[in-house]
Amino acid sequence: MSNQNEQVQWEQAEPGVQRRIFEPGEKVMMMEVRFEQGAEGYLHQHSHEQISYCLTGSFEYTIDGVTHILKAGETIVVPGDAVHGVKALEPSSLLDAFTPLREDLLK
């Protein structure tokens, strides 16, 4: 086991959104995502199951057309193939976990 968090680089994801993708395991991976107030993670879908944990702030989190308010300390599960996206209601951050690995995000 190694602690490589300090070496993980931040990258621009969408306007007002930065992410850093942590070293994955064999079947699960995580990334931290920071949002400026009003920034959006646009509606999208993928086959991977996802759990989002709100580290700070709050979000409007939409899954298959249903909007939820997600606040610091809360989690939400996104089933595989669900259309989902978020809008930060204030400066906010998420920790997202995916299974299986999101090969599209790994370099």
N, C-alpha and C. Protein backbone atom coordinates (compact mmCIF):
# COMPACT_ATOMS: atom_id res chain seq x y z
N MET A 1 0.85 -1.18 0.00
CA MET A 1 0.00 0.00 0.00
C MET A 1 0.89 1.24 0.00
N SER A 2 0.46 2.22 -0.77
CA SER A 2 1.21 3.46 -0.80
C SER A 2 0.27 4.64 -0.70
N ASN A 3 0.77 5.74 -0.18
CA ASN A 3 -0.01 6.97 -0.09
C ASN A 3 0.47 7.89 -1.19
N GLN A 4 -0.27 7.93 -2.29
CA GLN A 4 0.14 8.73 -3.44
C GLN A 4 -0.71 9.98 -3.60
N ASN A 5 -1.55 10.31 -2.61
CA ASN A 5 -2.47 11.44 -2.73
C ASN A 5 -1.76 12.75 -3.00
N GLU A 6 -0.58 12.95 -2.41
CA GLU A 6 0.14 14.20 -2.59
C GLU A 6 0.63 14.36 -4.04
N GLN A 7 0.80 13.25 -4.75
CA GLN A 7 1.33 13.27 -6.10
C GLN A 7 0.24 13.39 -7.16
N VAL A 8 -1.03 13.29 -6.78
CA VAL A 8 -2.13 13.33 -7.74
C VAL A 8 -2.35 14.77 -8.18
N GLN A 9 -2.37 14.99 -9.49
CA GLN A 9 -2.50 16.33 -10.04
C GLN A 9 -3.96 16.71 -10.27
N TRP A 10 -4.29 17.98 -10.01
CA TRP A 10 -5.60 18.51 -10.30
C TRP A 10 -5.67 18.81 -11.79
N GLU A 11 -6.85 18.59 -12.40
CA GLU A 11 -7.08 18.90 -13.80
C GLU A 11 -8.43 19.57 -13.96
N GLN A 12 -8.53 20.39 -15.01
CA GLN A 12 -9.80 21.04 -15.32
C GLN A 12 -10.75 20.01 -15.91
N ALA A 13 -11.98 19.92 -15.39
CA ALA A 13 -12.96 18.98 -15.92
C ALA A 13 -13.98 19.72 -16.78
N GLU A 14 -14.62 20.72 -16.22
CA GLU A 14 -15.60 21.57 -16.89
C GLU A 14 -15.39 22.97 -16.35
N PRO A 15 -16.02 23.99 -16.93
CA PRO A 15 -15.83 25.35 -16.39
C PRO A 15 -16.18 25.42 -14.90
N GLY A 16 -15.23 25.89 -14.10
CA GLY A 16 -15.44 26.01 -12.66
C GLY A 16 -15.34 24.71 -11.90
N VAL A 17 -14.87 23.65 -12.57
CA VAL A 17 -14.78 22.32 -11.94
C VAL A 17 -13.38 21.76 -12.13
N GLN A 18 -12.76 21.35 -11.02
CA GLN A 18 -11.46 20.69 -11.06
C GLN A 18 -11.59 19.32 -10.40
N ARG A 19 -10.80 18.37 -10.89
CA ARG A 19 -10.83 17.03 -10.31
C ARG A 19 -9.42 16.48 -10.20
N ARG A 20 -9.28 15.52 -9.27
CA ARG A 20 -8.06 14.73 -9.20
C ARG A 20 -8.47 13.28 -9.01
N ILE A 21 -7.89 12.44 -9.83
CA ILE A 21 -8.23 11.04 -9.86
C ILE A 21 -7.16 10.27 -9.10
N PHE A 22 -7.57 9.54 -8.07
CA PHE A 22 -6.63 8.81 -7.23
C PHE A 22 -6.24 7.49 -7.88
N GLU A 23 -5.12 6.96 -7.46
CA GLU A 23 -4.65 5.65 -7.94
C GLU A 23 -5.74 4.62 -7.70
N PRO A 24 -6.19 3.91 -8.73
CA PRO A 24 -7.30 2.98 -8.57
C PRO A 24 -6.88 1.66 -7.93
N GLY A 25 -7.87 0.96 -7.41
CA GLY A 25 -7.68 -0.42 -6.98
C GLY A 25 -7.95 -1.32 -8.18
N GLU A 26 -8.18 -2.59 -7.92
CA GLU A 26 -8.46 -3.52 -9.02
C GLU A 26 -9.87 -3.36 -9.56
N LYS A 27 -10.83 -3.02 -8.69
CA LYS A 27 -12.23 -2.96 -9.10
C LYS A 27 -12.95 -1.68 -8.70
N VAL A 28 -12.28 -0.79 -8.00
CA VAL A 28 -12.91 0.44 -7.53
C VAL A 28 -11.94 1.60 -7.66
N MET A 29 -12.47 2.80 -7.90
CA MET A 29 -11.62 3.99 -7.99
C MET A 29 -12.36 5.18 -7.39
N MET A 30 -11.58 6.22 -7.06
CA MET A 30 -12.15 7.43 -6.47
C MET A 30 -11.54 8.66 -7.13
N MET A 31 -12.32 9.75 -7.09
CA MET A 31 -11.78 11.04 -7.47
C MET A 31 -12.45 12.11 -6.62
N GLU A 32 -11.68 13.17 -6.36
CA GLU A 32 -12.17 14.33 -5.64
C GLU A 32 -12.48 15.40 -6.68
N VAL A 33 -13.63 16.07 -6.52
CA VAL A 33 -14.04 17.07 -7.49
C VAL A 33 -14.41 18.35 -6.74
N ARG A 34 -13.83 19.50 -7.15
CA ARG A 34 -14.11 20.80 -6.54
C ARG A 34 -14.89 21.67 -7.52
N PHE A 35 -15.89 22.36 -6.99
CA PHE A 35 -16.78 23.19 -7.80
C PHE A 35 -16.81 24.62 -7.27
N GLU A 36 -16.75 25.58 -8.17
CA GLU A 36 -17.05 26.96 -7.82
C GLU A 36 -18.57 27.07 -7.69
N GLN A 37 -19.05 28.08 -6.98
CA GLN A 37 -20.49 28.27 -6.86
C GLN A 37 -21.12 28.40 -8.25
N GLY A 38 -22.19 27.66 -8.49
CA GLY A 38 -22.89 27.70 -9.76
C GLY A 38 -22.31 26.80 -10.84
N ALA A 39 -21.13 26.24 -10.62
CA ALA A 39 -20.51 25.35 -11.61
C ALA A 39 -21.30 24.05 -11.70
N GLU A 40 -21.25 23.44 -12.88
CA GLU A 40 -22.03 22.24 -13.12
C GLU A 40 -21.19 21.07 -13.61
N GLY A 41 -21.53 19.91 -13.14
CA GLY A 41 -21.10 18.66 -13.74
C GLY A 41 -22.25 18.28 -14.65
N TYR A 42 -22.08 18.45 -15.94
CA TYR A 42 -23.16 18.32 -16.91
C TYR A 42 -23.79 16.94 -16.89
N LEU A 43 -25.06 16.87 -17.31
CA LEU A 43 -25.76 15.60 -17.39
C LEU A 43 -24.99 14.63 -18.29
N HIS A 44 -24.80 13.42 -17.80
CA HIS A 44 -24.09 12.39 -18.54
C HIS A 44 -24.50 11.03 -17.97
N GLN A 45 -24.04 9.97 -18.61
CA GLN A 45 -24.28 8.64 -18.07
C GLN A 45 -23.12 7.72 -18.41
N HIS A 46 -22.96 6.71 -17.60
CA HIS A 46 -21.95 5.68 -17.81
C HIS A 46 -22.45 4.39 -17.17
N SER A 47 -21.90 3.29 -17.56
CA SER A 47 -22.37 1.99 -17.07
C SER A 47 -21.94 1.70 -15.64
N HIS A 48 -21.04 2.50 -15.10
CA HIS A 48 -20.47 2.26 -13.78
C HIS A 48 -21.41 2.70 -12.66
N GLU A 49 -21.45 1.93 -11.58
CA GLU A 49 -22.14 2.36 -10.37
C GLU A 49 -21.27 3.41 -9.69
N GLN A 50 -21.90 4.42 -9.11
CA GLN A 50 -21.16 5.54 -8.51
C GLN A 50 -21.78 5.89 -7.17
N ILE A 51 -20.95 6.22 -6.21
CA ILE A 51 -21.40 6.80 -4.94
C ILE A 51 -20.69 8.13 -4.80
N SER A 52 -21.47 9.19 -4.54
CA SER A 52 -20.89 10.52 -4.32
C SER A 52 -21.07 10.89 -2.85
N TYR A 53 -20.00 11.37 -2.24
CA TYR A 53 -20.00 11.85 -0.86
C TYR A 53 -19.71 13.34 -0.91
N CYS A 54 -20.58 14.15 -0.36
CA CYS A 54 -20.38 15.60 -0.34
C CYS A 54 -19.42 15.96 0.80
N LEU A 55 -18.22 16.39 0.42
CA LEU A 55 -17.20 16.77 1.40
C LEU A 55 -17.51 18.13 2.01
N THR A 56 -17.84 19.10 1.15
CA THR A 56 -18.12 20.47 1.59
C THR A 56 -19.21 21.07 0.73
N GLY A 57 -19.93 22.04 1.29
CA GLY A 57 -20.92 22.78 0.51
C GLY A 57 -22.20 22.01 0.30
N SER A 58 -22.86 22.29 -0.85
CA SER A 58 -24.12 21.63 -1.18
C SER A 58 -24.35 21.66 -2.68
N PHE A 59 -25.16 20.72 -3.14
CA PHE A 59 -25.41 20.53 -4.57
C PHE A 59 -26.88 20.26 -4.85
N GLU A 60 -27.30 20.62 -6.03
CA GLU A 60 -28.50 20.06 -6.64
C GLU A 60 -27.98 18.88 -7.44
N TYR A 61 -28.39 17.68 -7.09
CA TYR A 61 -27.87 16.46 -7.72
C TYR A 61 -29.05 15.80 -8.43
N THR A 62 -28.98 15.70 -9.74
CA THR A 62 -30.09 15.16 -10.53
C THR A 62 -29.74 13.76 -11.03
N ILE A 63 -30.64 12.81 -10.79
CA ILE A 63 -30.49 11.43 -11.27
C ILE A 63 -31.78 11.05 -11.98
N ASP A 64 -31.66 10.72 -13.26
CA ASP A 64 -32.82 10.32 -14.07
C ASP A 64 -34.00 11.28 -13.91
N GLY A 65 -33.72 12.59 -13.95
CA GLY A 65 -34.76 13.61 -13.92
C GLY A 65 -35.26 14.00 -12.54
N VAL A 66 -34.80 13.33 -11.50
CA VAL A 66 -35.21 13.66 -10.13
C VAL A 66 -34.07 14.42 -9.45
N THR A 67 -34.39 15.61 -8.91
CA THR A 67 -33.36 16.43 -8.28
C THR A 67 -33.39 16.25 -6.76
N HIS A 68 -32.21 16.05 -6.20
CA HIS A 68 -32.01 15.89 -4.76
C HIS A 68 -31.09 17.01 -4.30
N ILE A 69 -31.21 17.44 -3.06
CA ILE A 69 -30.25 18.35 -2.46
C ILE A 69 -29.27 17.50 -1.66
N LEU A 70 -27.99 17.65 -1.96
CA LEU A 70 -26.94 16.89 -1.29
C LEU A 70 -26.08 17.88 -0.51
N LYS A 71 -25.97 17.67 0.80
CA LYS A 71 -25.22 18.58 1.68
C LYS A 71 -24.00 17.88 2.26
N ALA A 72 -23.07 18.67 2.78
CA ALA A 72 -21.85 18.13 3.37
C ALA A 72 -22.17 17.01 4.35
N GLY A 73 -21.45 15.89 4.20
CA GLY A 73 -21.63 14.73 5.06
C GLY A 73 -22.65 13.73 4.55
N GLU A 74 -23.29 14.04 3.41
CA GLU A 74 -24.30 13.14 2.87
C GLU A 74 -23.78 12.41 1.63
N THR A 75 -24.38 11.26 1.33
CA THR A 75 -24.01 10.48 0.16
C THR A 75 -25.23 10.26 -0.72
N ILE A 76 -24.96 9.92 -1.98
CA ILE A 76 -26.01 9.55 -2.92
C ILE A 76 -25.46 8.48 -3.84
N VAL A 77 -26.30 7.51 -4.19
CA VAL A 77 -25.90 6.41 -5.07
C VAL A 77 -26.46 6.68 -6.46
N VAL A 78 -25.60 6.54 -7.46
CA VAL A 78 -25.99 6.68 -8.86
C VAL A 78 -25.90 5.29 -9.50
N PRO A 79 -27.04 4.70 -9.86
CA PRO A 79 -27.00 3.38 -10.50
C PRO A 79 -26.31 3.46 -11.87
N GLY A 80 -25.76 2.36 -12.31
CA GLY A 80 -25.17 2.32 -13.64
C GLY A 80 -26.19 2.70 -14.69
N ASP A 81 -25.76 3.44 -15.71
CA ASP A 81 -26.57 3.89 -16.84
C ASP A 81 -27.58 4.99 -16.49
N ALA A 82 -27.62 5.47 -15.25
CA ALA A 82 -28.52 6.57 -14.90
C ALA A 82 -27.96 7.88 -15.46
N VAL A 83 -28.84 8.72 -15.99
CA VAL A 83 -28.43 10.06 -16.46
C VAL A 83 -28.36 10.94 -15.21
N HIS A 84 -27.20 11.55 -14.99
CA HIS A 84 -27.00 12.32 -13.77
C HIS A 84 -26.09 13.53 -14.00
N GLY A 85 -26.21 14.50 -13.09
CA GLY A 85 -25.38 15.69 -13.12
C GLY A 85 -25.57 16.47 -11.83
N VAL A 86 -24.72 17.47 -11.61
CA VAL A 86 -24.78 18.26 -10.39
C VAL A 86 -24.60 19.74 -10.69
N LYS A 87 -25.12 20.57 -9.79
CA LYS A 87 -24.87 22.01 -9.81
C LYS A 87 -24.53 22.42 -8.39
N ALA A 88 -23.39 23.09 -8.22
CA ALA A 88 -22.95 23.53 -6.90
C ALA A 88 -23.76 24.75 -6.47
N LEU A 89 -24.37 24.68 -5.29
CA LEU A 89 -25.15 25.78 -4.76
C LEU A 89 -24.28 26.80 -4.04
N GLU A 90 -23.04 26.42 -3.79
CA GLU A 90 -22.02 27.26 -3.14
C GLU A 90 -20.68 26.61 -3.47
N PRO A 91 -19.56 27.21 -3.14
CA PRO A 91 -18.30 26.49 -3.36
C PRO A 91 -18.38 25.14 -2.64
N SER A 92 -18.14 24.05 -3.37
CA SER A 92 -18.43 22.72 -2.83
C SER A 92 -17.44 21.69 -3.38
N SER A 93 -17.41 20.52 -2.74
CA SER A 93 -16.56 19.44 -3.23
C SER A 93 -17.21 18.08 -2.96
N LEU A 94 -16.90 17.14 -3.86
CA LEU A 94 -17.40 15.77 -3.79
C LEU A 94 -16.25 14.78 -3.78
N LEU A 95 -16.49 13.63 -3.21
CA LEU A 95 -15.63 12.47 -3.37
C LEU A 95 -16.48 11.42 -4.08
N ASP A 96 -16.09 11.06 -5.30
CA ASP A 96 -16.83 10.09 -6.10
C ASP A 96 -16.09 8.76 -6.13
N ALA A 97 -16.83 7.67 -5.94
CA ALA A 97 -16.27 6.31 -6.06
C ALA A 97 -17.02 5.61 -7.18
N PHE A 98 -16.28 4.84 -7.99
CA PHE A 98 -16.85 4.13 -9.13
C PHE A 98 -16.43 2.66 -9.11
N THR A 99 -17.36 1.81 -9.54
CA THR A 99 -17.02 0.42 -9.80
C THR A 99 -17.85 -0.05 -10.98
N PRO A 100 -17.29 -0.80 -11.91
CA PRO A 100 -15.87 -1.09 -12.04
C PRO A 100 -15.09 0.18 -12.41
N LEU A 101 -13.82 0.03 -12.73
CA LEU A 101 -12.97 1.17 -13.03
C LEU A 101 -13.49 1.94 -14.22
N ARG A 102 -13.40 3.28 -14.13
CA ARG A 102 -13.73 4.15 -15.26
C ARG A 102 -12.49 4.29 -16.13
N GLU A 103 -12.31 3.35 -17.02
CA GLU A 103 -11.13 3.36 -17.91
C GLU A 103 -11.05 4.66 -18.70
N ASP A 104 -12.22 5.27 -19.00
CA ASP A 104 -12.25 6.52 -19.76
C ASP A 104 -11.60 7.67 -19.00
N LEU A 105 -11.51 7.57 -17.67
CA LEU A 105 -10.89 8.62 -16.87
C LEU A 105 -9.43 8.33 -16.53
N LEU A 106 -9.01 7.09 -16.69
CA LEU A 106 -7.64 6.70 -16.34
C LEU A 106 -6.72 6.90 -17.53
N LYS A 107 -5.53 7.37 -17.26
CA LYS A 107 -4.56 7.61 -18.34
C LYS A 107 -3.62 6.44 -18.48
